[in-house]
Amino acid sequence: MFLFIIFCFSYSSVAFAYLGPGIGGGIIAATIGIIVAIFAALFGLIWFPVKKFLKKRKEQQKQQHGKDY
């Protein structure tokens, strides 16, 4: 079964198709979009918990040192 799958993916035939110049721009835009989405997800997963932790820590310091701190 594994060899059959490898064969199916490695077999190529002639395709009589035309890909216009606009396809390159679409591929570049999609690639950049995927990369930006990954970085945005990582930023959201890392930054917001850190921000919440820092806010808690700041509030605890205010409570320990009084309101004038």
PDB file of N, CA and C in Angstrom:
ATOM      1  N   MET A   1       0.823  -1.190   0.000  1.00  0.00           N
ATOM      2  CA  MET A   1       0.000   0.000   0.000  1.00  0.00           C
ATOM      3  C   MET A   1       0.873   1.262   0.000  1.00  0.00           C
ATOM      4  N   PHE A   2       1.924   1.255   0.823  1.00  0.00           N
ATOM      5  CA  PHE A   2       2.828   2.394   0.904  1.00  0.00           C
ATOM      6  C   PHE A   2       3.505   2.658  -0.443  1.00  0.00           C
ATOM      7  N   LEU A   3       3.961   1.584  -1.089  1.00  0.00           N
ATOM      8  CA  LEU A   3       4.606   1.726  -2.396  1.00  0.00           C
ATOM      9  C   LEU A   3       3.629   2.260  -3.441  1.00  0.00           C
ATOM     10  N   PHE A   4       2.380   1.846  -3.377  1.00  0.00           N
ATOM     11  CA  PHE A   4       1.374   2.323  -4.309  1.00  0.00           C
ATOM     12  C   PHE A   4       1.153   3.833  -4.141  1.00  0.00           C
ATOM     13  N   ILE A   5       1.102   4.288  -2.900  1.00  0.00           N
ATOM     14  CA  ILE A   5       0.923   5.716  -2.638  1.00  0.00           C
ATOM     15  C   ILE A   5       2.125   6.504  -3.149  1.00  0.00           C
ATOM     16  N   ILE A   6       3.329   5.989  -2.899  1.00  0.00           N
ATOM     17  CA  ILE A   6       4.546   6.640  -3.400  1.00  0.00           C
ATOM     18  C   ILE A   6       4.512   6.707  -4.925  1.00  0.00           C
ATOM     19  N   PHE A   7       4.103   5.628  -5.564  1.00  0.00           N
ATOM     20  CA  PHE A   7       4.022   5.593  -7.019  1.00  0.00           C
ATOM     21  C   PHE A   7       3.014   6.614  -7.538  1.00  0.00           C
ATOM     22  N   CYS A   8       1.871   6.719  -6.898  1.00  0.00           N
ATOM     23  CA  CYS A   8       0.837   7.663  -7.341  1.00  0.00           C
ATOM     24  C   CYS A   8       1.320   9.112  -7.244  1.00  0.00           C
ATOM     25  N   PHE A   9       2.076   9.428  -6.208  1.00  0.00           N
ATOM     26  CA  PHE A   9       2.565  10.787  -6.055  1.00  0.00           C
ATOM     27  C   PHE A   9       3.764  11.088  -6.944  1.00  0.00           C
ATOM     28  N   SER A  10       4.523  10.075  -7.309  1.00  0.00           N
ATOM     29  CA  SER A  10       5.714  10.313  -8.119  1.00  0.00           C
ATOM     30  C   SER A  10       5.437  10.197  -9.618  1.00  0.00           C
ATOM     31  N   TYR A  11       4.320   9.635 -10.009  1.00  0.00           N
ATOM     32  CA  TYR A  11       3.987   9.488 -11.422  1.00  0.00           C
ATOM     33  C   TYR A  11       3.531  10.829 -11.979  1.00  0.00           C
ATOM     34  N   SER A  12       4.094  11.202 -13.102  1.00  0.00           N
ATOM     35  CA  SER A  12       3.682  12.459 -13.719  1.00  0.00           C
ATOM     36  C   SER A  12       3.341  12.208 -15.183  1.00  0.00           C
ATOM     37  N   SER A  13       2.422  12.990 -15.653  1.00  0.00           N
ATOM     38  CA  SER A  13       2.059  12.909 -17.060  1.00  0.00           C
ATOM     39  C   SER A  13       2.045  14.316 -17.627  1.00  0.00           C
ATOM     40  N   VAL A  14       1.981  14.412 -18.931  1.00  0.00           N
ATOM     41  CA  VAL A  14       1.989  15.703 -19.589  1.00  0.00           C
ATOM     42  C   VAL A  14       0.632  16.375 -19.390  1.00  0.00           C
ATOM     43  N   ALA A  15       0.674  17.626 -18.973  1.00  0.00           N
ATOM     44  CA  ALA A  15      -0.556  18.397 -18.795  1.00  0.00           C
ATOM     45  C   ALA A  15      -0.539  19.538 -19.802  1.00  0.00           C
ATOM     46  N   PHE A  16      -1.530  19.590 -20.620  1.00  0.00           N
ATOM     47  CA  PHE A  16      -1.636  20.657 -21.603  1.00  0.00           C
ATOM     48  C   PHE A  16      -2.473  21.784 -20.986  1.00  0.00           C
ATOM     49  N   ALA A  17      -1.793  22.586 -20.177  1.00  0.00           N
ATOM     50  CA  ALA A  17      -2.484  23.652 -19.463  1.00  0.00           C
ATOM     51  C   ALA A  17      -1.620  24.900 -19.477  1.00  0.00           C
ATOM     52  N   TYR A  18      -2.269  26.027 -19.373  1.00  0.00           N
ATOM     53  CA  TYR A  18      -1.568  27.303 -19.347  1.00  0.00           C
ATOM     54  C   TYR A  18      -1.859  27.991 -18.018  1.00  0.00           C
ATOM     55  N   LEU A  19      -0.814  28.351 -17.343  1.00  0.00           N
ATOM     56  CA  LEU A  19      -0.951  29.119 -16.117  1.00  0.00           C
ATOM     57  C   LEU A  19      -0.502  30.536 -16.421  1.00  0.00           C
ATOM     58  N   GLY A  20      -1.398  31.467 -16.325  1.00  0.00           N
ATOM     59  CA  GLY A  20      -1.106  32.858 -16.663  1.00  0.00           C
ATOM     60  C   GLY A  20      -0.201  33.523 -15.652  1.00  0.00           C
ATOM     61  N   PRO A  21       0.255  34.729 -15.970  1.00  0.00           N
ATOM     62  CA  PRO A  21       1.161  35.447 -15.073  1.00  0.00           C
ATOM     63  C   PRO A  21       0.502  35.852 -13.749  1.00  0.00           C
ATOM     64  N   GLY A  22      -0.807  35.926 -13.699  1.00  0.00           N
ATOM     65  CA  GLY A  22      -1.498  36.294 -12.465  1.00  0.00           C
ATOM     66  C   GLY A  22      -1.416  35.227 -11.391  1.00  0.00           C
ATOM     67  N   ILE A  23      -1.180  33.990 -11.792  1.00  0.00           N
ATOM     68  CA  ILE A  23      -1.084  32.887 -10.834  1.00  0.00           C
ATOM     69  C   ILE A  23       0.098  33.080  -9.887  1.00  0.00           C
ATOM     70  N   GLY A  24       1.202  33.625 -10.396  1.00  0.00           N
ATOM     71  CA  GLY A  24       2.384  33.852  -9.545  1.00  0.00           C
ATOM     72  C   GLY A  24       2.077  34.829  -8.425  1.00  0.00           C
ATOM     73  N   GLY A  25       1.374  35.909  -8.763  1.00  0.00           N
ATOM     74  CA  GLY A  25       1.002  36.890  -7.739  1.00  0.00           C
ATOM     75  C   GLY A  25       0.061  36.300  -6.711  1.00  0.00           C
ATOM     76  N   GLY A  26      -0.859  35.455  -7.163  1.00  0.00           N
ATOM     77  CA  GLY A  26      -1.783  34.803  -6.228  1.00  0.00           C
ATOM     78  C   GLY A  26      -1.069  33.870  -5.274  1.00  0.00           C
ATOM     79  N   ILE A  27      -0.096  33.138  -5.807  1.00  0.00           N
ATOM     80  CA  ILE A  27       0.671  32.221  -4.951  1.00  0.00           C
ATOM     81  C   ILE A  27       1.486  33.003  -3.928  1.00  0.00           C
ATOM     82  N   ILE A  28       2.103  34.090  -4.382  1.00  0.00           N
ATOM     83  CA  ILE A  28       2.888  34.915  -3.453  1.00  0.00           C
ATOM     84  C   ILE A  28       1.980  35.519  -2.376  1.00  0.00           C
ATOM     85  N   ALA A  29       0.828  36.039  -2.771  1.00  0.00           N
ATOM     86  CA  ALA A  29      -0.098  36.636  -1.804  1.00  0.00           C
ATOM     87  C   ALA A  29      -0.612  35.595  -0.808  1.00  0.00           C
ATOM     88  N   ALA A  30      -0.926  34.404  -1.289  1.00  0.00           N
ATOM     89  CA  ALA A  30      -1.407  33.350  -0.394  1.00  0.00           C
ATOM     90  C   ALA A  30      -0.313  32.922   0.579  1.00  0.00           C
ATOM     91  N   THR A  31       0.920  32.821   0.092  1.00  0.00           N
ATOM     92  CA  THR A  31       2.035  32.428   0.951  1.00  0.00           C
ATOM     93  C   THR A  31       2.277  33.476   2.033  1.00  0.00           C
ATOM     94  N   ILE A  32       2.280  34.741   1.636  1.00  0.00           N
ATOM     95  CA  ILE A  32       2.477  35.812   2.615  1.00  0.00           C
ATOM     96  C   ILE A  32       1.320  35.822   3.620  1.00  0.00           C
ATOM     97  N   GLY A  33       0.106  35.596   3.144  1.00  0.00           N
ATOM     98  CA  GLY A  33      -1.050  35.552   4.040  1.00  0.00           C
ATOM     99  C   GLY A  33      -0.960  34.437   5.063  1.00  0.00           C
ATOM    100  N   ILE A  34      -0.507  33.274   4.630  1.00  0.00           N
ATOM    101  CA  ILE A  34      -0.353  32.138   5.554  1.00  0.00           C
ATOM    102  C   ILE A  34       0.718  32.442   6.590  1.00  0.00           C
ATOM    103  N   ILE A  35       1.835  33.018   6.152  1.00  0.00           N
ATOM    104  CA  ILE A  35       2.922  33.341   7.083  1.00  0.00           C
ATOM    105  C   ILE A  35       2.463  34.385   8.103  1.00  0.00           C
ATOM    106  N   VAL A  36       1.765  35.413   7.646  1.00  0.00           N
ATOM    107  CA  VAL A  36       1.267  36.451   8.558  1.00  0.00           C
ATOM    108  C   VAL A  36       0.256  35.860   9.543  1.00  0.00           C
ATOM    109  N   ALA A  37      -0.597  34.956   9.078  1.00  0.00           N
ATOM    110  CA  ALA A  37      -1.576  34.326   9.964  1.00  0.00           C
ATOM    111  C   ALA A  37      -0.890  33.486  11.037  1.00  0.00           C
ATOM    112  N   ILE A  38       0.161  32.774  10.665  1.00  0.00           N
ATOM    113  CA  ILE A  38       0.904  31.966  11.645  1.00  0.00           C
ATOM    114  C   ILE A  38       1.538  32.868  12.696  1.00  0.00           C
ATOM    115  N   PHE A  39       2.187  33.965  12.245  1.00  0.00           N
ATOM    116  CA  PHE A  39       2.812  34.877  13.207  1.00  0.00           C
ATOM    117  C   PHE A  39       1.773  35.561  14.093  1.00  0.00           C
ATOM    118  N   ALA A  40       0.620  35.903  13.542  1.00  0.00           N
ATOM    119  CA  ALA A  40      -0.438  36.523  14.343  1.00  0.00           C
ATOM    120  C   ALA A  40      -0.959  35.552  15.399  1.00  0.00           C
ATOM    121  N   ALA A  41      -1.099  34.291  15.032  1.00  0.00           N
ATOM    122  CA  ALA A  41      -1.552  33.282  15.996  1.00  0.00           C
ATOM    123  C   ALA A  41      -0.521  33.095  17.106  1.00  0.00           C
ATOM    124  N   LEU A  42       0.748  33.021  16.727  1.00  0.00           N
ATOM    125  CA  LEU A  42       1.796  32.882  17.747  1.00  0.00           C
ATOM    126  C   LEU A  42       1.850  34.110  18.645  1.00  0.00           C
ATOM    127  N   PHE A  43       1.708  35.288  18.060  1.00  0.00           N
ATOM    128  CA  PHE A  43       1.701  36.521  18.846  1.00  0.00           C
ATOM    129  C   PHE A  43       0.546  36.513  19.842  1.00  0.00           C
ATOM    130  N   GLY A  44      -0.631  36.095  19.378  1.00  0.00           N
ATOM    131  CA  GLY A  44      -1.793  36.044  20.261  1.00  0.00           C
ATOM    132  C   GLY A  44      -1.634  35.025  21.377  1.00  0.00           C
ATOM    133  N   LEU A  45      -1.034  33.904  21.058  1.00  0.00           N
ATOM    134  CA  LEU A  45      -0.855  32.856  22.070  1.00  0.00           C
ATOM    135  C   LEU A  45       0.214  33.212  23.093  1.00  0.00           C
ATOM    136  N   ILE A  46       1.162  34.048  22.708  1.00  0.00           N
ATOM    137  CA  ILE A  46       2.258  34.400  23.614  1.00  0.00           C
ATOM    138  C   ILE A  46       2.000  35.737  24.305  1.00  0.00           C
ATOM    139  N   TRP A  47       1.620  36.773  23.551  1.00  0.00           N
ATOM    140  CA  TRP A  47       1.543  38.118  24.102  1.00  0.00           C
ATOM    141  C   TRP A  47       0.416  38.305  25.114  1.00  0.00           C
ATOM    142  N   PHE A  48      -0.771  37.838  24.826  1.00  0.00           N
ATOM    143  CA  PHE A  48      -1.901  38.124  25.711  1.00  0.00           C
ATOM    144  C   PHE A  48      -1.763  37.471  27.083  1.00  0.00           C
ATOM    145  N   PRO A  49      -1.298  36.225  27.207  1.00  0.00           N
ATOM    146  CA  PRO A  49      -1.056  35.705  28.564  1.00  0.00           C
ATOM    147  C   PRO A  49       0.053  36.462  29.300  1.00  0.00           C
ATOM    148  N   VAL A  50       1.092  36.870  28.570  1.00  0.00           N
ATOM    149  CA  VAL A  50       2.165  37.648  29.205  1.00  0.00           C
ATOM    150  C   VAL A  50       1.624  38.998  29.667  1.00  0.00           C
ATOM    151  N   LYS A  51       0.811  39.634  28.848  1.00  0.00           N
ATOM    152  CA  LYS A  51       0.208  40.921  29.200  1.00  0.00           C
ATOM    153  C   LYS A  51      -0.670  40.786  30.443  1.00  0.00           C
ATOM    154  N   LYS A  52      -1.449  39.723  30.515  1.00  0.00           N
ATOM    155  CA  LYS A  52      -2.318  39.482  31.664  1.00  0.00           C
ATOM    156  C   LYS A  52      -1.477  39.259  32.926  1.00  0.00           C
ATOM    157  N   PHE A  53      -0.385  38.503  32.791  1.00  0.00           N
ATOM    158  CA  PHE A  53       0.501  38.246  33.923  1.00  0.00           C
ATOM    159  C   PHE A  53       1.139  39.539  34.419  1.00  0.00           C
ATOM    160  N   LEU A  54       1.599  40.380  33.497  1.00  0.00           N
ATOM    161  CA  LEU A  54       2.228  41.637  33.895  1.00  0.00           C
ATOM    162  C   LEU A  54       1.224  42.571  34.564  1.00  0.00           C
ATOM    163  N   LYS A  55      -0.007  42.579  34.075  1.00  0.00           N
ATOM    164  CA  LYS A  55      -1.038  43.414  34.685  1.00  0.00           C
ATOM    165  C   LYS A  55      -1.340  42.942  36.109  1.00  0.00           C
ATOM    166  N   LYS A  56      -1.423  41.614  36.303  1.00  0.00           N
ATOM    167  CA  LYS A  56      -1.654  41.071  37.651  1.00  0.00           C
ATOM    168  C   LYS A  56      -0.518  41.444  38.578  1.00  0.00           C
ATOM    169  N   ARG A  57       0.706  41.331  38.082  1.00  0.00           N
ATOM    170  CA  ARG A  57       1.877  41.629  38.891  1.00  0.00           C
ATOM    171  C   ARG A  57       1.900  43.105  39.284  1.00  0.00           C
ATOM    172  N   LYS A  58       1.535  43.963  38.359  1.00  0.00           N
ATOM    173  CA  LYS A  58       1.504  45.395  38.643  1.00  0.00           C
ATOM    174  C   LYS A  58       0.440  45.715  39.696  1.00  0.00           C
ATOM    175  N   GLU A  59      -0.714  45.076  39.597  1.00  0.00           N
ATOM    176  CA  GLU A  59      -1.775  45.291  40.583  1.00  0.00           C
ATOM    177  C   GLU A  59      -1.354  44.789  41.960  1.00  0.00           C
ATOM    178  N   GLN A  60      -0.640  43.664  41.999  1.00  0.00           N
ATOM    179  CA  GLN A  60      -0.162  43.149  43.286  1.00  0.00           C
ATOM    180  C   GLN A  60       0.851  44.096  43.902  1.00  0.00           C
ATOM    181  N   GLN A  61       1.710  44.695  43.079  1.00  0.00           N
ATOM    182  CA  GLN A  61       2.688  45.644  43.600  1.00  0.00           C
ATOM    183  C   GLN A  61       1.993  46.896  44.126  1.00  0.00           C
ATOM    184  N   LYS A  62       0.932  47.338  43.460  1.00  0.00           N
ATOM    185  CA  LYS A  62       0.188  48.495  43.946  1.00  0.00           C
ATOM    186  C   LYS A  62      -0.454  48.212  45.292  1.00  0.00           C
ATOM    187  N   GLN A  63      -0.982  46.997  45.458  1.00  0.00           N
ATOM    188  CA  GLN A  63      -1.621  46.637  46.717  1.00  0.00           C
ATOM    189  C   GLN A  63      -0.608  46.538  47.838  1.00  0.00           C
ATOM    190  N   GLN A  64       0.600  46.054  47.547  1.00  0.00           N
ATOM    191  CA  GLN A  64       1.627  45.917  48.569  1.00  0.00           C
ATOM    192  C   GLN A  64       2.184  47.270  48.989  1.00  0.00           C
ATOM    193  N   HIS A  65       2.340  48.193  48.049  1.00  0.00           N
ATOM    194  CA  HIS A  65       2.970  49.471  48.346  1.00  0.00           C
ATOM    195  C   HIS A  65       1.971  50.598  48.549  1.00  0.00           C
ATOM    196  N   GLY A  66       0.723  50.318  48.483  1.00  0.00           N
ATOM    197  CA  GLY A  66      -0.280  51.350  48.663  1.00  0.00           C
ATOM    198  C   GLY A  66      -0.682  51.966  47.339  1.00  0.00           C
ATOM    199  N   LYS A  67      -1.632  52.864  47.384  1.00  0.00           N
ATOM    200  CA  LYS A  67      -2.188  53.455  46.171  1.00  0.00           C
ATOM    201  C   LYS A  67      -1.247  54.489  45.544  1.00  0.00           C
ATOM    202  N   ASP A  68      -0.282  55.031  46.312  1.00  0.00           N
ATOM    203  CA  ASP A  68       0.585  56.099  45.794  1.00  0.00           C
ATOM    204  C   ASP A  68       1.679  55.571  44.870  1.00  0.00           C
ATOM    205  N   TYR A  69       1.890  54.280  44.799  1.00  0.00           N
ATOM    206  CA  TYR A  69       2.997  53.724  44.021  1.00  0.00           C
ATOM    207  C   TYR A  69       2.780  53.869  42.587  1.00  0.00           C
TER     208      TYR A  69
END
